[in-house]
Amino acid sequence: MAHVNTNGIQIEYEVFGKRTNPTIVLIAGNGAQLNFWESDFCEMLAQHNLQVIRFDNRDAGLSTKFDAAGIPDMSKIYQAAQEGKPIKTAYTLEDMADDVAGLLDALEIKKAHICGASMGGMIAQVFAYRHPLRICSLISIMSSTGNPNNPKISQETLEIVTATPPNQRGAYIEYTVHMWKKLWSKGFPFEEERAIRYTEESYDRCYYPQGAVRQNAALVANGDRRKYLSLLRVPTLVIHGTADPLIPVEAGKDTARTIPNAKLLLIEGMGHDMPKGTWKCIVEAIVSLVRDTSHSCWR
């Protein structure tokens, strides 16, 4: 792995595939590190003649942390959002999208396919309308437009994902695997060994839950993106699971309706995760989009 300095911060990243191939950038979700995009998944994409870049968002993994900003009071932020009041955050989703552009600048890449999952999908959306000349295609996975009329997450699920995880390694792993069991895709068998391995790797690489809170604050403050997304003219693929308990499938449908000519791929039984049983379908859909746009995208 390596890092670059951009936008006044350090971004940790890793590359798969040949530099001469078209580039796809993978953006992780709230609190997740670059290993959310597992090596085997990245290699699957790279085998289709793509250069794959995964990286740590600011405030996650080995990228720059924002400790001096403190931990925001999310109850106050949610209330301010409901009341339409200004929300002060350590940084914005726009800053996080600009980090992606800065990473491309540092690596001397003019244009790329931009793919994000969950909050990463929202960052990818913001990148698309802030940097329209830098994007070949947009892939938004299990994400949303910020439309306040979309179905709300259930209180039970909200409590599960916003609880503060334990500090001790063993307790953290047990807690997180239990959480994933609760949220796992209903249409696929739970992959416990994979969940344990991923959780151990994430904890050992960088246990940093406070960063996820600041990222979440930036997400909430960003609000409704539909007026910007409706103006996009970039080839777009929206992927969503029909059994997503965190960002309901209606949010994916709304994203596809909002972005002109977007393609929608619904995966039956997929939740707010990416079971290995979905990988082939997801990779094939991404590669198909990339090939369809190859005539208009170059490094």
Protein backbone atom coordinates (compact mmCIF):
# COMPACT_ATOMS: atom_id res chain seq x y z
CA MET A 1 0.00 0.00 0.00
CA ALA A 2 0.99 3.63 -0.40
CA HIS A 3 -0.25 7.12 0.37
CA VAL A 4 -0.52 10.55 -1.23
CA ASN A 5 -0.89 14.02 0.23
CA THR A 6 -3.81 16.01 -1.15
CA ASN A 7 -6.28 18.62 0.11
CA GLY A 8 -4.07 19.10 3.15
CA ILE A 9 -4.43 15.48 4.30
CA GLN A 10 -2.90 12.05 3.72
CA ILE A 11 -4.85 9.40 1.81
CA GLU A 12 -3.86 5.73 2.03
CA TYR A 13 -4.56 3.69 -1.10
CA GLU A 14 -3.83 0.44 -2.92
CA VAL A 15 -3.84 -0.43 -6.63
CA PHE A 16 -4.72 -3.67 -8.44
CA GLY A 17 -4.15 -4.28 -12.15
CA LYS A 18 -2.15 -2.54 -14.84
CA ARG A 19 -1.70 1.22 -14.87
CA THR A 20 -2.38 1.32 -18.61
CA ASN A 21 -5.93 -0.03 -18.11
CA PRO A 22 -9.02 2.14 -17.49
CA THR A 23 -9.28 3.07 -13.81
CA ILE A 24 -12.11 2.35 -11.40
CA VAL A 25 -12.05 3.93 -7.93
CA LEU A 26 -13.86 2.10 -5.12
CA ILE A 27 -15.20 4.24 -2.27
CA ALA A 28 -16.07 2.62 1.07
CA GLY A 29 -19.00 3.47 3.31
CA ASN A 30 -19.39 5.04 6.75
CA GLY A 31 -16.54 4.00 9.06
CA ALA A 32 -15.29 1.33 6.66
CA GLN A 33 -11.68 1.04 5.58
CA LEU A 34 -10.36 0.21 2.13
CA ASN A 35 -10.49 -3.51 2.98
CA PHE A 36 -14.30 -3.30 2.73
CA TRP A 37 -13.49 -3.86 -0.94
CA GLU A 38 -11.88 -7.23 -0.39
CA SER A 39 -8.76 -8.16 -2.36
CA ASP A 40 -10.51 -11.02 -4.17
CA PHE A 41 -13.26 -8.66 -5.35
CA CYS A 42 -10.68 -6.13 -6.57
CA GLU A 43 -8.80 -8.89 -8.39
CA MET A 44 -12.03 -9.97 -10.11
CA LEU A 45 -12.41 -6.46 -11.51
CA ALA A 46 -8.70 -6.24 -12.42
CA GLN A 47 -8.99 -9.47 -14.41
CA HIS A 48 -11.36 -7.59 -16.72
CA ASN A 49 -8.60 -5.19 -17.79
CA LEU A 50 -9.24 -2.54 -15.17
CA GLN A 51 -6.88 -0.69 -12.86
CA VAL A 52 -8.64 -0.85 -9.49
CA ILE A 53 -7.97 1.69 -6.74
CA ARG A 54 -9.28 1.27 -3.21
CA PHE A 55 -8.50 3.80 -0.49
CA ASP A 56 -9.23 4.92 3.06
CA ASN A 57 -11.60 7.86 3.28
CA ARG A 58 -10.49 10.69 5.57
CA ASP A 59 -11.11 9.81 9.22
CA ALA A 60 -10.84 6.07 8.53
CA GLY A 61 -8.12 3.46 8.26
CA LEU A 62 -4.64 4.90 7.75
CA SER A 63 -5.74 8.20 6.24
CA THR A 64 -5.70 11.46 8.21
CA LYS A 65 -7.88 11.61 11.34
CA PHE A 66 -9.73 14.65 12.65
CA ASP A 67 -9.36 14.17 16.40
CA ALA A 68 -9.22 17.90 17.07
CA ALA A 69 -12.80 18.26 15.82
CA GLY A 70 -14.15 16.11 18.66
CA ILE A 71 -17.12 13.78 18.46
CA PRO A 72 -20.35 15.41 17.24
CA ASP A 73 -23.66 15.07 19.05
CA MET A 74 -25.65 13.15 16.47
CA SER A 75 -28.98 13.69 18.22
CA LYS A 76 -28.55 17.45 17.75
CA ILE A 77 -27.43 16.98 14.15
CA TYR A 78 -30.46 14.83 13.32
CA GLN A 79 -32.73 17.41 14.95
CA ALA A 80 -31.12 20.29 13.03
CA ALA A 81 -31.51 18.35 9.78
CA GLN A 82 -35.21 17.76 10.45
CA GLU A 83 -35.69 21.45 11.19
CA GLY A 84 -33.72 22.57 8.13
CA LYS A 85 -31.14 24.40 10.23
CA PRO A 86 -27.44 24.76 9.31
CA ILE A 87 -25.23 21.92 10.51
CA LYS A 88 -21.60 22.50 11.42
CA THR A 89 -19.36 19.51 10.74
CA ALA A 90 -15.62 18.78 10.78
CA TYR A 91 -15.75 18.38 6.98
CA THR A 92 -18.34 17.80 4.30
CA LEU A 93 -19.25 15.11 1.79
CA GLU A 94 -17.97 17.57 -0.81
CA ASP A 95 -14.57 17.51 0.91
CA MET A 96 -14.61 13.71 0.76
CA ALA A 97 -15.48 13.79 -2.94
CA ASP A 98 -12.68 16.28 -3.53
CA ASP A 99 -10.32 13.83 -1.80
CA VAL A 100 -11.08 11.38 -4.61
CA ALA A 101 -10.25 14.03 -7.20
CA GLY A 102 -7.06 14.83 -5.30
CA LEU A 103 -6.09 11.16 -5.28
CA LEU A 104 -6.58 11.00 -9.05
CA ASP A 105 -4.48 14.16 -9.46
CA ALA A 106 -1.67 12.69 -7.38
CA LEU A 107 -1.72 9.51 -9.46
CA GLU A 108 -1.89 11.51 -12.72
CA ILE A 109 -5.20 9.99 -13.77
CA LYS A 110 -7.42 12.31 -15.80
CA LYS A 111 -10.68 10.32 -15.71
CA ALA A 112 -12.00 7.26 -13.90
CA HIS A 113 -15.04 5.15 -13.28
CA ILE A 114 -16.27 6.02 -9.78
CA CYS A 115 -17.96 3.35 -7.66
CA GLY A 116 -19.19 3.69 -4.08
CA ALA A 117 -21.19 1.63 -1.62
CA SER A 118 -23.55 3.07 1.01
CA MET A 119 -22.04 6.40 2.10
CA GLY A 120 -19.39 5.72 -0.53
CA GLY A 121 -22.18 5.80 -3.12
CA MET A 122 -23.18 9.23 -1.85
CA ILE A 123 -19.58 10.45 -2.14
CA ALA A 124 -19.48 9.05 -5.67
CA GLN A 125 -22.67 10.94 -6.51
CA VAL A 126 -21.20 14.19 -5.19
CA PHE A 127 -18.02 13.55 -7.17
CA ALA A 128 -20.12 13.12 -10.33
CA TYR A 129 -21.63 16.59 -10.16
CA ARG A 130 -18.61 18.38 -8.68
CA HIS A 131 -16.10 16.86 -11.11
CA PRO A 132 -18.10 16.00 -14.26
CA LEU A 133 -15.03 16.09 -16.51
CA ARG A 134 -13.20 13.54 -14.35
CA ILE A 135 -15.80 10.76 -14.36
CA CYS A 136 -16.36 8.07 -17.01
CA SER A 137 -19.25 6.32 -15.27
CA LEU A 138 -20.96 6.29 -11.88
CA ILE A 139 -21.78 3.13 -9.94
CA SER A 140 -23.94 3.70 -6.84
CA ILE A 141 -24.36 0.59 -4.68
CA MET A 142 -26.87 0.29 -1.79
CA SER A 143 -26.99 4.08 -1.49
CA SER A 144 -29.51 6.91 -1.79
CA THR A 145 -30.08 10.45 -3.05
CA GLY A 146 -30.76 11.84 0.41
CA ASN A 147 -34.44 12.14 -0.51
CA PRO A 148 -36.24 12.77 2.83
CA ASN A 149 -39.35 11.04 1.47
CA ASN A 150 -37.63 7.67 1.14
CA PRO A 151 -38.61 5.03 3.72
CA LYS A 152 -36.85 5.50 7.04
CA ILE A 153 -34.58 2.96 8.65
CA SER A 154 -36.30 0.99 11.44
CA GLN A 155 -35.53 2.02 15.02
CA GLU A 156 -34.15 -1.45 15.76
CA THR A 157 -31.71 -1.31 12.86
CA LEU A 158 -30.72 2.26 13.69
CA GLU A 159 -29.86 1.26 17.24
CA ILE A 160 -27.76 -1.65 15.98
CA VAL A 161 -25.63 0.40 13.59
CA THR A 162 -25.20 3.50 15.78
CA ALA A 163 -24.20 1.74 19.01
CA THR A 164 -20.63 2.34 20.15
CA PRO A 165 -18.61 -0.87 19.67
CA PRO A 166 -16.46 -2.28 22.50
CA ASN A 167 -12.79 -1.27 22.70
CA GLN A 168 -11.38 -4.69 23.57
CA ARG A 169 -10.47 -6.77 20.52
CA GLY A 170 -12.30 -9.98 21.37
CA ALA A 171 -15.43 -8.15 22.48
CA TYR A 172 -15.34 -5.97 19.36
CA ILE A 173 -15.12 -8.95 17.05
CA GLU A 174 -17.95 -10.76 18.84
CA TYR A 175 -20.12 -7.64 18.82
CA THR A 176 -19.50 -6.81 15.15
CA VAL A 177 -20.08 -10.35 13.87
CA HIS A 178 -23.34 -10.43 15.86
CA MET A 179 -24.33 -7.12 14.26
CA TRP A 180 -23.64 -8.47 10.77
CA LYS A 181 -25.74 -11.52 11.50
CA LYS A 182 -28.64 -9.18 12.27
CA LEU A 183 -28.12 -7.17 9.09
CA TRP A 184 -27.02 -9.91 6.70
CA SER A 185 -28.70 -10.50 3.34
CA LYS A 186 -31.81 -12.61 3.93
CA GLY A 187 -31.43 -14.39 0.60
CA PHE A 188 -27.87 -15.63 1.21
CA PRO A 189 -26.25 -17.87 3.85
CA PHE A 190 -24.31 -16.01 6.52
CA GLU A 191 -20.55 -16.20 5.88
CA GLU A 192 -19.30 -16.31 9.47
CA GLU A 193 -15.65 -17.13 8.76
CA ARG A 194 -15.46 -14.29 6.27
CA ALA A 195 -17.14 -11.89 8.71
CA ILE A 196 -14.71 -12.83 11.49
CA ARG A 197 -11.68 -12.49 9.21
CA TYR A 198 -12.81 -9.09 7.94
CA THR A 199 -13.58 -7.83 11.45
CA GLU A 200 -10.22 -8.99 12.82
CA GLU A 201 -8.39 -7.35 9.93
CA SER A 202 -10.30 -4.09 10.36
CA TYR A 203 -9.68 -3.93 14.11
CA ASP A 204 -5.98 -4.74 13.81
CA ARG A 205 -5.45 -2.29 10.97
CA CYS A 206 -7.23 0.64 12.64
CA TYR A 207 -9.88 0.60 15.35
CA TYR A 208 -11.31 4.13 15.16
CA PRO A 209 -15.09 4.39 15.74
CA GLN A 210 -15.03 8.14 16.41
CA GLY A 211 -14.19 8.79 12.76
CA ALA A 212 -17.38 7.05 11.70
CA VAL A 213 -19.43 9.51 13.79
CA ARG A 214 -17.89 12.53 12.06
CA GLN A 215 -18.40 10.89 8.67
CA ASN A 216 -22.03 10.26 9.56
CA ALA A 217 -22.43 13.91 10.52
CA ALA A 218 -21.12 14.95 7.09
CA LEU A 219 -23.54 12.52 5.46
CA VAL A 220 -26.57 13.91 7.32
CA ALA A 221 -25.52 17.50 6.68
CA ASN A 222 -25.30 16.88 2.92
CA GLY A 223 -29.05 16.42 2.69
CA ASP A 224 -31.06 15.97 -0.50
CA ARG A 225 -28.91 15.70 -3.65
CA ARG A 226 -31.70 15.18 -6.19
CA LYS A 227 -31.57 18.63 -7.81
CA TYR A 228 -27.90 18.06 -8.67
CA LEU A 229 -28.24 14.39 -9.60
CA SER A 230 -31.12 15.13 -11.97
CA LEU A 231 -28.70 17.19 -14.09
CA LEU A 232 -26.08 14.47 -14.50
CA ARG A 233 -25.21 13.23 -17.98
CA VAL A 234 -22.84 10.46 -16.94
CA PRO A 235 -23.54 6.76 -17.63
CA THR A 236 -24.84 5.41 -14.32
CA LEU A 237 -25.47 2.01 -12.78
CA VAL A 238 -27.50 1.74 -9.57
CA ILE A 239 -27.20 -1.55 -7.66
CA HIS A 240 -29.41 -2.34 -4.68
CA GLY A 241 -30.54 -5.36 -2.70
CA THR A 242 -34.25 -6.06 -2.32
CA ALA A 243 -33.73 -6.97 1.35
CA ASP A 244 -31.63 -4.00 2.49
CA PRO A 245 -32.57 -3.22 6.12
CA LEU A 246 -30.41 -0.10 6.39
CA ILE A 247 -31.10 1.77 3.15
CA PRO A 248 -34.35 0.26 1.82
CA VAL A 249 -34.58 -0.76 -1.82
CA GLU A 250 -36.93 2.16 -2.54
CA ALA A 251 -33.90 4.44 -2.11
CA GLY A 252 -32.10 2.62 -4.90
CA LYS A 253 -35.14 2.90 -7.15
CA ASP A 254 -35.33 6.61 -6.33
CA THR A 255 -31.65 7.03 -7.28
CA ALA A 256 -32.21 5.34 -10.63
CA ARG A 257 -35.29 7.52 -11.30
CA THR A 258 -33.44 10.70 -10.41
CA ILE A 259 -30.30 10.25 -12.51
CA PRO A 260 -31.19 10.48 -16.22
CA ASN A 261 -30.92 7.17 -18.11
CA ALA A 262 -29.51 5.32 -15.09
CA LYS A 263 -29.60 1.53 -15.22
CA LEU A 264 -31.03 -0.24 -12.17
CA LEU A 265 -29.87 -3.67 -11.01
CA LEU A 266 -31.91 -5.13 -8.15
CA ILE A 267 -30.40 -8.19 -6.50
CA GLU A 268 -33.01 -10.42 -4.90
CA GLY A 269 -32.33 -11.12 -1.22
CA MET A 270 -29.25 -8.89 -0.92
CA GLY A 271 -29.16 -6.68 2.16
CA HIS A 272 -26.76 -3.92 3.17
CA ASP A 273 -23.73 -6.04 2.42
CA MET A 274 -22.15 -7.84 -0.50
CA PRO A 275 -22.35 -11.63 -0.05
CA LYS A 276 -19.87 -13.50 -2.23
CA GLY A 277 -22.87 -14.94 -4.04
CA THR A 278 -23.49 -11.46 -5.48
CA TRP A 279 -19.96 -10.72 -6.65
CA LYS A 280 -20.17 -12.28 -10.10
CA CYS A 281 -23.40 -10.43 -10.88
CA ILE A 282 -22.04 -7.11 -9.59
CA VAL A 283 -18.69 -7.42 -11.39
CA GLU A 284 -20.36 -8.37 -14.68
CA ALA A 285 -22.71 -5.38 -14.44
CA ILE A 286 -19.83 -2.99 -13.70
CA VAL A 287 -17.67 -4.38 -16.49
CA SER A 288 -20.56 -4.12 -18.95
CA LEU A 289 -21.02 -0.43 -18.05
CA VAL A 290 -17.28 0.21 -18.37
CA ARG A 291 -17.18 -1.39 -21.82
CA ASP A 292 -20.20 0.61 -22.96
CA THR A 293 -18.40 3.84 -22.04
CA SER A 294 -14.92 2.91 -23.24
CA HIS A 295 -15.25 5.08 -26.38
CA SER A 296 -15.67 8.25 -24.29
CA CYS A 297 -13.24 7.61 -21.47
CA TRP A 298 -9.49 7.65 -21.49
CA ARG A 299 -6.72 8.27 -19.01
